[in-house]
N, C-alpha and C. Protein backbone atom coordinates (compact mmCIF):
# COMPACT_ATOMS: atom_id res chain seq x y z
N MET A 1 -35.61 54.44 24.84
CA MET A 1 -35.80 53.19 25.56
C MET A 1 -36.33 52.12 24.60
N PRO A 2 -35.74 50.94 24.56
CA PRO A 2 -36.23 49.90 23.65
C PRO A 2 -37.56 49.31 24.11
N LEU A 3 -38.31 48.77 23.15
CA LEU A 3 -39.59 48.15 23.47
C LEU A 3 -39.36 46.94 24.36
N GLY A 4 -40.32 46.67 25.26
CA GLY A 4 -40.20 45.54 26.18
C GLY A 4 -39.45 45.88 27.45
N THR A 5 -38.99 47.12 27.61
CA THR A 5 -38.25 47.53 28.80
C THR A 5 -39.16 47.53 30.02
N ALA A 6 -38.67 47.00 31.12
CA ALA A 6 -39.40 47.03 32.38
C ALA A 6 -39.12 48.36 33.07
N ILE A 7 -40.19 49.09 33.44
CA ILE A 7 -40.03 50.39 34.09
C ILE A 7 -41.00 50.52 35.26
N HIS A 8 -40.71 51.49 36.14
CA HIS A 8 -41.60 51.79 37.26
C HIS A 8 -41.51 53.28 37.59
N ASN A 9 -42.32 53.75 38.54
CA ASN A 9 -42.33 55.15 38.97
C ASN A 9 -42.53 56.09 37.77
N ILE A 10 -43.63 55.90 37.05
CA ILE A 10 -43.86 56.56 35.78
C ILE A 10 -44.72 57.82 35.96
N GLU A 11 -44.32 58.89 35.29
CA GLU A 11 -45.11 60.12 35.30
C GLU A 11 -46.30 59.97 34.36
N ILE A 12 -47.44 60.54 34.73
CA ILE A 12 -48.58 60.64 33.81
C ILE A 12 -48.55 62.01 33.16
N THR A 13 -48.36 63.04 33.98
CA THR A 13 -48.25 64.41 33.50
C THR A 13 -46.80 64.85 33.61
N LEU A 14 -46.28 65.44 32.55
CA LEU A 14 -44.88 65.86 32.50
C LEU A 14 -44.55 66.81 33.65
N GLY A 15 -43.52 66.48 34.41
CA GLY A 15 -43.06 67.33 35.50
C GLY A 15 -43.78 67.16 36.82
N LYS A 16 -44.79 66.30 36.88
CA LYS A 16 -45.57 66.13 38.12
C LYS A 16 -44.94 65.11 39.06
N GLY A 17 -44.08 64.24 38.54
CA GLY A 17 -43.48 63.20 39.36
C GLY A 17 -44.16 61.86 39.14
N GLY A 18 -43.49 60.79 39.54
CA GLY A 18 -43.98 59.44 39.30
C GLY A 18 -45.30 59.15 40.00
N GLN A 19 -46.24 58.51 39.28
CA GLN A 19 -47.53 58.16 39.86
C GLN A 19 -47.92 56.70 39.59
N LEU A 20 -47.37 56.07 38.56
CA LEU A 20 -47.77 54.71 38.20
C LEU A 20 -46.69 53.70 38.58
N ALA A 21 -47.10 52.48 38.92
CA ALA A 21 -46.21 51.35 39.22
C ALA A 21 -45.19 51.72 40.29
N ARG A 22 -45.67 52.05 41.50
CA ARG A 22 -44.77 52.44 42.59
C ARG A 22 -44.81 51.48 43.77
N ALA A 23 -45.74 50.53 43.79
CA ALA A 23 -45.86 49.61 44.92
C ALA A 23 -44.72 48.60 44.91
N ALA A 24 -44.55 47.90 46.03
CA ALA A 24 -43.49 46.91 46.15
C ALA A 24 -43.64 45.83 45.08
N GLY A 25 -42.58 45.59 44.30
CA GLY A 25 -42.58 44.55 43.28
C GLY A 25 -43.27 44.95 41.98
N ALA A 26 -43.78 46.18 41.89
CA ALA A 26 -44.53 46.59 40.69
C ALA A 26 -43.59 46.84 39.51
N VAL A 27 -44.11 46.54 38.32
CA VAL A 27 -43.35 46.79 37.10
C VAL A 27 -44.33 46.99 35.94
N ALA A 28 -44.02 47.95 35.07
CA ALA A 28 -44.80 48.17 33.86
C ALA A 28 -43.90 47.89 32.67
N GLU A 29 -44.51 47.61 31.51
CA GLU A 29 -43.73 47.25 30.33
C GLU A 29 -44.03 48.23 29.20
N LEU A 30 -43.00 48.70 28.53
CA LEU A 30 -43.14 49.56 27.37
C LEU A 30 -43.45 48.66 26.17
N ILE A 31 -44.66 48.80 25.59
CA ILE A 31 -45.04 47.87 24.52
C ILE A 31 -45.09 48.50 23.14
N ALA A 32 -45.15 49.84 23.06
CA ALA A 32 -45.18 50.49 21.74
C ALA A 32 -44.79 51.95 21.86
N LYS A 33 -44.30 52.51 20.74
CA LYS A 33 -44.01 53.94 20.66
C LYS A 33 -44.51 54.44 19.32
N GLU A 34 -45.33 55.51 19.33
CA GLU A 34 -45.78 56.12 18.09
C GLU A 34 -45.93 57.62 18.30
N ASP A 35 -45.56 58.40 17.28
CA ASP A 35 -45.56 59.86 17.36
C ASP A 35 -44.81 60.31 18.62
N ARG A 36 -45.49 61.09 19.48
CA ARG A 36 -44.82 61.56 20.70
C ARG A 36 -45.37 60.87 21.93
N SER A 37 -45.96 59.68 21.76
CA SER A 37 -46.53 58.97 22.90
C SER A 37 -46.03 57.53 22.96
N ALA A 38 -46.11 56.97 24.14
CA ALA A 38 -45.69 55.58 24.35
C ALA A 38 -46.83 54.80 24.99
N THR A 39 -46.94 53.53 24.65
CA THR A 39 -47.97 52.66 25.23
C THR A 39 -47.33 51.77 26.28
N LEU A 40 -47.96 51.73 27.45
CA LEU A 40 -47.45 50.92 28.56
C LEU A 40 -48.47 49.87 28.95
N ARG A 41 -47.98 48.70 29.37
CA ARG A 41 -48.83 47.71 30.02
C ARG A 41 -48.56 47.83 31.52
N LEU A 42 -49.57 48.26 32.27
CA LEU A 42 -49.42 48.51 33.70
C LEU A 42 -49.61 47.22 34.49
N PRO A 43 -49.21 47.21 35.78
CA PRO A 43 -49.34 45.99 36.59
C PRO A 43 -50.78 45.47 36.67
N SER A 44 -51.78 46.35 36.52
CA SER A 44 -53.18 45.93 36.58
C SER A 44 -53.62 45.23 35.31
N GLY A 45 -52.81 45.31 34.24
CA GLY A 45 -53.18 44.74 32.95
C GLY A 45 -53.72 45.79 32.00
N GLU A 46 -53.90 47.01 32.49
CA GLU A 46 -54.40 48.11 31.66
C GLU A 46 -53.32 48.55 30.68
N ALA A 47 -53.73 48.85 29.44
CA ALA A 47 -52.81 49.42 28.45
C ALA A 47 -53.12 50.90 28.35
N ARG A 48 -52.11 51.74 28.47
CA ARG A 48 -52.31 53.18 28.58
C ARG A 48 -51.29 53.97 27.77
N LEU A 49 -51.74 55.07 27.18
CA LEU A 49 -50.85 55.98 26.47
C LEU A 49 -50.34 57.05 27.42
N ILE A 50 -49.03 57.34 27.35
CA ILE A 50 -48.48 58.49 28.06
C ILE A 50 -47.52 59.21 27.13
N SER A 51 -47.18 60.44 27.46
CA SER A 51 -46.26 61.21 26.65
C SER A 51 -44.87 60.57 26.68
N GLU A 52 -44.18 60.61 25.55
CA GLU A 52 -42.84 60.03 25.46
C GLU A 52 -41.84 60.80 26.31
N ASN A 53 -42.16 62.06 26.65
CA ASN A 53 -41.25 62.90 27.43
C ASN A 53 -41.37 62.67 28.94
N CYS A 54 -42.40 61.96 29.38
CA CYS A 54 -42.57 61.68 30.81
C CYS A 54 -41.45 60.79 31.31
N SER A 55 -41.00 61.05 32.53
CA SER A 55 -39.88 60.29 33.07
C SER A 55 -40.35 59.00 33.74
N ALA A 56 -39.45 58.03 33.82
CA ALA A 56 -39.70 56.75 34.49
C ALA A 56 -38.36 56.18 34.92
N THR A 57 -38.41 55.21 35.81
CA THR A 57 -37.19 54.55 36.28
C THR A 57 -37.14 53.16 35.66
N ILE A 58 -35.98 52.79 35.14
CA ILE A 58 -35.83 51.47 34.53
C ILE A 58 -35.72 50.41 35.62
N GLY A 59 -36.41 49.27 35.41
CA GLY A 59 -36.34 48.15 36.33
C GLY A 59 -37.62 47.98 37.13
N GLN A 60 -37.57 47.05 38.08
CA GLN A 60 -38.71 46.70 38.91
C GLN A 60 -38.52 47.27 40.31
N VAL A 61 -39.61 47.64 40.97
CA VAL A 61 -39.53 48.12 42.34
C VAL A 61 -39.08 46.96 43.23
N GLY A 62 -38.27 47.25 44.22
CA GLY A 62 -37.75 46.22 45.11
C GLY A 62 -38.79 45.72 46.10
N ASN A 63 -38.33 44.92 47.07
CA ASN A 63 -39.16 44.37 48.15
C ASN A 63 -40.32 43.55 47.59
N ILE A 64 -40.03 42.66 46.66
CA ILE A 64 -41.03 41.86 45.96
C ILE A 64 -41.83 40.99 46.93
N THR A 65 -41.20 40.55 48.00
CA THR A 65 -41.86 39.63 48.94
C THR A 65 -42.66 40.35 50.03
N ALA A 66 -42.97 41.63 49.84
CA ALA A 66 -43.68 42.41 50.88
C ALA A 66 -45.01 41.77 51.25
N ASN A 67 -45.73 41.19 50.27
CA ASN A 67 -47.04 40.59 50.55
C ASN A 67 -46.95 39.29 51.32
N ASN A 68 -45.77 38.68 51.38
CA ASN A 68 -45.61 37.40 52.07
C ASN A 68 -45.35 37.54 53.56
N ARG A 69 -45.23 38.77 54.05
CA ARG A 69 -44.89 39.00 55.45
C ARG A 69 -46.03 38.53 56.36
N SER A 70 -45.68 37.77 57.38
CA SER A 70 -46.64 37.36 58.40
C SER A 70 -46.53 38.32 59.57
N PHE A 71 -47.63 38.98 59.92
CA PHE A 71 -47.57 40.00 60.97
C PHE A 71 -47.55 39.41 62.37
N GLY A 72 -48.02 38.19 62.55
CA GLY A 72 -47.87 37.52 63.83
C GLY A 72 -48.93 37.86 64.86
N LYS A 73 -49.31 39.13 64.95
CA LYS A 73 -50.34 39.52 65.93
C LYS A 73 -51.03 40.78 65.44
N ALA A 74 -52.20 41.04 65.98
CA ALA A 74 -52.99 42.19 65.53
C ALA A 74 -52.24 43.50 65.75
N GLY A 75 -51.46 43.57 66.82
CA GLY A 75 -50.74 44.80 67.14
C GLY A 75 -49.76 45.22 66.07
N ALA A 76 -49.16 44.24 65.36
CA ALA A 76 -48.19 44.56 64.32
C ALA A 76 -48.87 45.32 63.17
N LYS A 77 -50.12 45.02 62.88
CA LYS A 77 -50.88 45.79 61.89
C LYS A 77 -51.22 47.17 62.43
N ARG A 78 -51.54 47.25 63.74
CA ARG A 78 -51.89 48.53 64.36
C ARG A 78 -50.70 49.50 64.30
N TRP A 79 -49.48 48.97 64.40
CA TRP A 79 -48.29 49.83 64.33
C TRP A 79 -48.20 50.53 62.98
N LEU A 80 -48.79 49.89 61.96
CA LEU A 80 -48.79 50.47 60.61
C LEU A 80 -49.99 51.38 60.37
N GLY A 81 -50.82 51.56 61.40
CA GLY A 81 -51.97 52.46 61.28
C GLY A 81 -53.23 51.78 60.80
N LYS A 82 -53.23 50.43 60.69
CA LYS A 82 -54.41 49.70 60.23
C LYS A 82 -55.29 49.37 61.44
N ARG A 83 -56.60 49.63 61.32
CA ARG A 83 -57.54 49.28 62.38
C ARG A 83 -58.39 48.10 61.95
N SER A 84 -58.97 47.39 62.92
CA SER A 84 -59.73 46.20 62.62
C SER A 84 -61.00 46.55 61.85
N GLU A 85 -61.48 45.62 61.01
CA GLU A 85 -62.71 45.83 60.25
C GLU A 85 -63.88 45.27 61.04
N VAL A 86 -64.89 46.09 61.22
CA VAL A 86 -66.10 45.64 61.91
C VAL A 86 -67.18 45.41 60.87
N ARG A 87 -67.84 44.24 60.91
CA ARG A 87 -68.89 43.92 59.95
C ARG A 87 -70.09 44.82 60.15
N GLY A 88 -70.72 45.21 59.04
CA GLY A 88 -71.91 46.05 59.11
C GLY A 88 -73.05 45.38 59.85
N VAL A 89 -73.16 44.03 59.73
CA VAL A 89 -74.22 43.27 60.37
C VAL A 89 -74.10 43.35 61.90
N ALA A 90 -72.89 43.56 62.39
CA ALA A 90 -72.66 43.62 63.84
C ALA A 90 -72.96 45.00 64.43
N MET A 91 -73.28 45.98 63.55
CA MET A 91 -73.52 47.35 64.01
C MET A 91 -75.01 47.61 64.26
N ASN A 92 -75.30 48.78 64.75
CA ASN A 92 -76.68 49.25 64.92
C ASN A 92 -77.14 49.90 63.61
N PRO A 93 -78.47 49.99 63.40
CA PRO A 93 -78.95 50.56 62.14
C PRO A 93 -78.53 52.01 61.92
N VAL A 94 -78.24 52.73 62.99
CA VAL A 94 -77.80 54.12 62.84
C VAL A 94 -76.38 54.19 62.26
N ASP A 95 -75.61 53.11 62.39
CA ASP A 95 -74.21 53.10 61.95
C ASP A 95 -74.00 52.49 60.57
N HIS A 96 -74.90 51.58 60.15
CA HIS A 96 -74.69 50.87 58.87
C HIS A 96 -76.05 50.37 58.35
N PRO A 97 -76.25 50.37 57.01
CA PRO A 97 -77.50 49.85 56.46
C PRO A 97 -77.75 48.37 56.77
N HIS A 98 -76.71 47.60 57.04
CA HIS A 98 -76.88 46.17 57.37
C HIS A 98 -77.18 45.95 58.85
N GLY A 99 -77.08 46.98 59.65
CA GLY A 99 -77.16 46.83 61.10
C GLY A 99 -78.58 46.60 61.62
N GLY A 100 -78.63 46.22 62.89
CA GLY A 100 -79.91 46.07 63.59
C GLY A 100 -80.52 44.70 63.44
N GLY A 101 -81.73 44.55 63.96
CA GLY A 101 -82.44 43.28 63.94
C GLY A 101 -82.24 42.51 65.22
N GLU A 102 -83.12 41.56 65.46
CA GLU A 102 -83.03 40.72 66.65
C GLU A 102 -82.22 39.47 66.33
N GLY A 103 -81.22 39.18 67.11
CA GLY A 103 -80.38 37.99 66.88
C GLY A 103 -79.57 38.12 65.60
N ARG A 104 -79.27 36.99 65.01
CA ARG A 104 -78.49 37.00 63.77
C ARG A 104 -79.44 37.10 62.58
N THR A 105 -79.45 38.24 61.95
CA THR A 105 -80.38 38.47 60.84
C THR A 105 -79.62 38.67 59.54
N PRO A 106 -80.26 38.35 58.41
CA PRO A 106 -79.60 38.60 57.12
C PRO A 106 -79.52 40.10 56.84
N ILE A 107 -78.91 40.44 55.71
CA ILE A 107 -78.71 41.84 55.36
C ILE A 107 -80.05 42.56 55.21
N GLY A 108 -81.03 41.88 54.64
CA GLY A 108 -82.35 42.48 54.49
C GLY A 108 -82.48 43.32 53.23
N ARG A 109 -81.53 43.18 52.31
CA ARG A 109 -81.56 43.89 51.03
C ARG A 109 -81.21 42.90 49.93
N LYS A 110 -81.41 43.32 48.67
CA LYS A 110 -81.07 42.43 47.57
C LYS A 110 -79.57 42.22 47.46
N LYS A 111 -78.80 43.30 47.69
CA LYS A 111 -77.34 43.22 47.56
C LYS A 111 -76.68 43.94 48.73
N PRO A 112 -75.45 43.54 49.09
CA PRO A 112 -74.73 44.25 50.14
C PRO A 112 -74.42 45.69 49.72
N VAL A 113 -74.37 46.59 50.70
CA VAL A 113 -74.06 47.99 50.42
C VAL A 113 -72.97 48.48 51.36
N THR A 114 -72.38 49.62 51.02
CA THR A 114 -71.38 50.26 51.86
C THR A 114 -72.08 50.98 53.01
N PRO A 115 -71.32 51.48 53.98
CA PRO A 115 -71.97 52.24 55.07
C PRO A 115 -72.75 53.46 54.58
N TRP A 116 -72.46 53.94 53.38
CA TRP A 116 -73.13 55.13 52.83
C TRP A 116 -74.25 54.77 51.87
N GLY A 117 -74.53 53.45 51.71
CA GLY A 117 -75.66 53.02 50.91
C GLY A 117 -75.38 52.73 49.46
N TYR A 118 -74.10 52.82 49.03
CA TYR A 118 -73.75 52.50 47.64
C TYR A 118 -73.54 51.00 47.49
N SER A 119 -73.78 50.45 46.31
CA SER A 119 -73.61 49.02 46.06
C SER A 119 -72.17 48.60 46.33
N ALA A 120 -72.00 47.48 47.04
CA ALA A 120 -70.66 47.08 47.48
C ALA A 120 -69.97 46.09 46.55
N LEU A 121 -70.75 45.36 45.73
CA LEU A 121 -70.14 44.31 44.93
C LEU A 121 -70.42 44.51 43.44
N GLY A 122 -69.38 44.64 42.63
CA GLY A 122 -69.52 44.61 41.18
C GLY A 122 -69.89 45.90 40.50
N LYS A 123 -70.26 46.93 41.23
CA LYS A 123 -70.66 48.18 40.60
C LYS A 123 -69.43 48.98 40.21
N LYS A 124 -69.40 49.44 38.96
CA LYS A 124 -68.26 50.24 38.51
C LYS A 124 -68.38 51.63 39.12
N SER A 125 -67.29 52.12 39.70
CA SER A 125 -67.33 53.39 40.41
C SER A 125 -66.64 54.52 39.65
N ARG A 126 -65.99 54.20 38.52
CA ARG A 126 -65.31 55.23 37.76
C ARG A 126 -66.32 56.14 37.07
N LYS A 127 -66.09 57.46 37.13
CA LYS A 127 -66.99 58.42 36.51
C LYS A 127 -66.93 58.28 34.99
N ARG A 128 -68.06 58.53 34.31
CA ARG A 128 -68.10 58.47 32.85
C ARG A 128 -67.52 59.74 32.25
N ASN A 129 -66.99 59.63 31.03
CA ASN A 129 -66.47 60.77 30.27
C ASN A 129 -65.36 61.53 30.99
N ARG A 130 -64.47 60.80 31.64
CA ARG A 130 -63.32 61.45 32.26
C ARG A 130 -62.36 61.91 31.18
N TYR A 131 -61.58 62.95 31.48
CA TYR A 131 -60.64 63.49 30.49
C TYR A 131 -59.57 62.46 30.11
N SER A 132 -59.26 61.54 31.02
CA SER A 132 -58.20 60.57 30.76
C SER A 132 -58.68 59.32 30.03
N ASP A 133 -59.99 59.23 29.72
CA ASP A 133 -60.51 58.05 29.02
C ASP A 133 -59.82 57.84 27.67
N ALA A 134 -59.45 58.93 27.01
CA ALA A 134 -58.82 58.84 25.68
C ALA A 134 -57.45 58.19 25.75
N SER A 135 -56.77 58.27 26.88
CA SER A 135 -55.42 57.71 26.99
C SER A 135 -55.42 56.25 27.45
N ILE A 136 -56.59 55.70 27.80
CA ILE A 136 -56.67 54.29 28.20
C ILE A 136 -57.09 53.47 26.99
N LEU A 137 -56.19 52.62 26.51
CA LEU A 137 -56.45 51.82 25.32
C LEU A 137 -57.21 50.55 25.65
N ARG A 138 -56.87 49.92 26.78
CA ARG A 138 -57.58 48.71 27.20
C ARG A 138 -57.75 48.76 28.70
N ARG A 139 -58.99 48.64 29.18
CA ARG A 139 -59.27 48.68 30.60
C ARG A 139 -58.74 47.42 31.28
N ARG A 140 -58.51 47.53 32.57
CA ARG A 140 -58.06 46.35 33.33
C ARG A 140 -59.19 45.33 33.38
N GLU A 141 -58.83 44.08 33.51
CA GLU A 141 -59.84 43.00 33.53
C GLU A 141 -60.40 42.83 34.94
């Protein structure tokens, strides 16, 4: 495959099947080849090494305008299995760390948290020293 080729549905592990760039309109670019590995620029902006033997499909995934769809009513989202989001502040303290209080009260903490008490904004959630860290050349921005 020549450099600069647009590809999608890319395998990470040989024989496991496509795992990268599979969403509507997604495309990755082949930017380098050295030894038995290839460097890809993924839709997230991450640069990653994968084996040259891993399979991929040439071209871009179809249905590029999927994000532009107007659902029209809440029920159309429900048909897809999506449920409405309830704010933590609107819950009771037994249900969410932001819940409770008399009337409209602030969060009552320094930073917003998830229902399980983990930091909700800006905290990196990726585990340190993962086996795949060596194959990531540049993290996403």
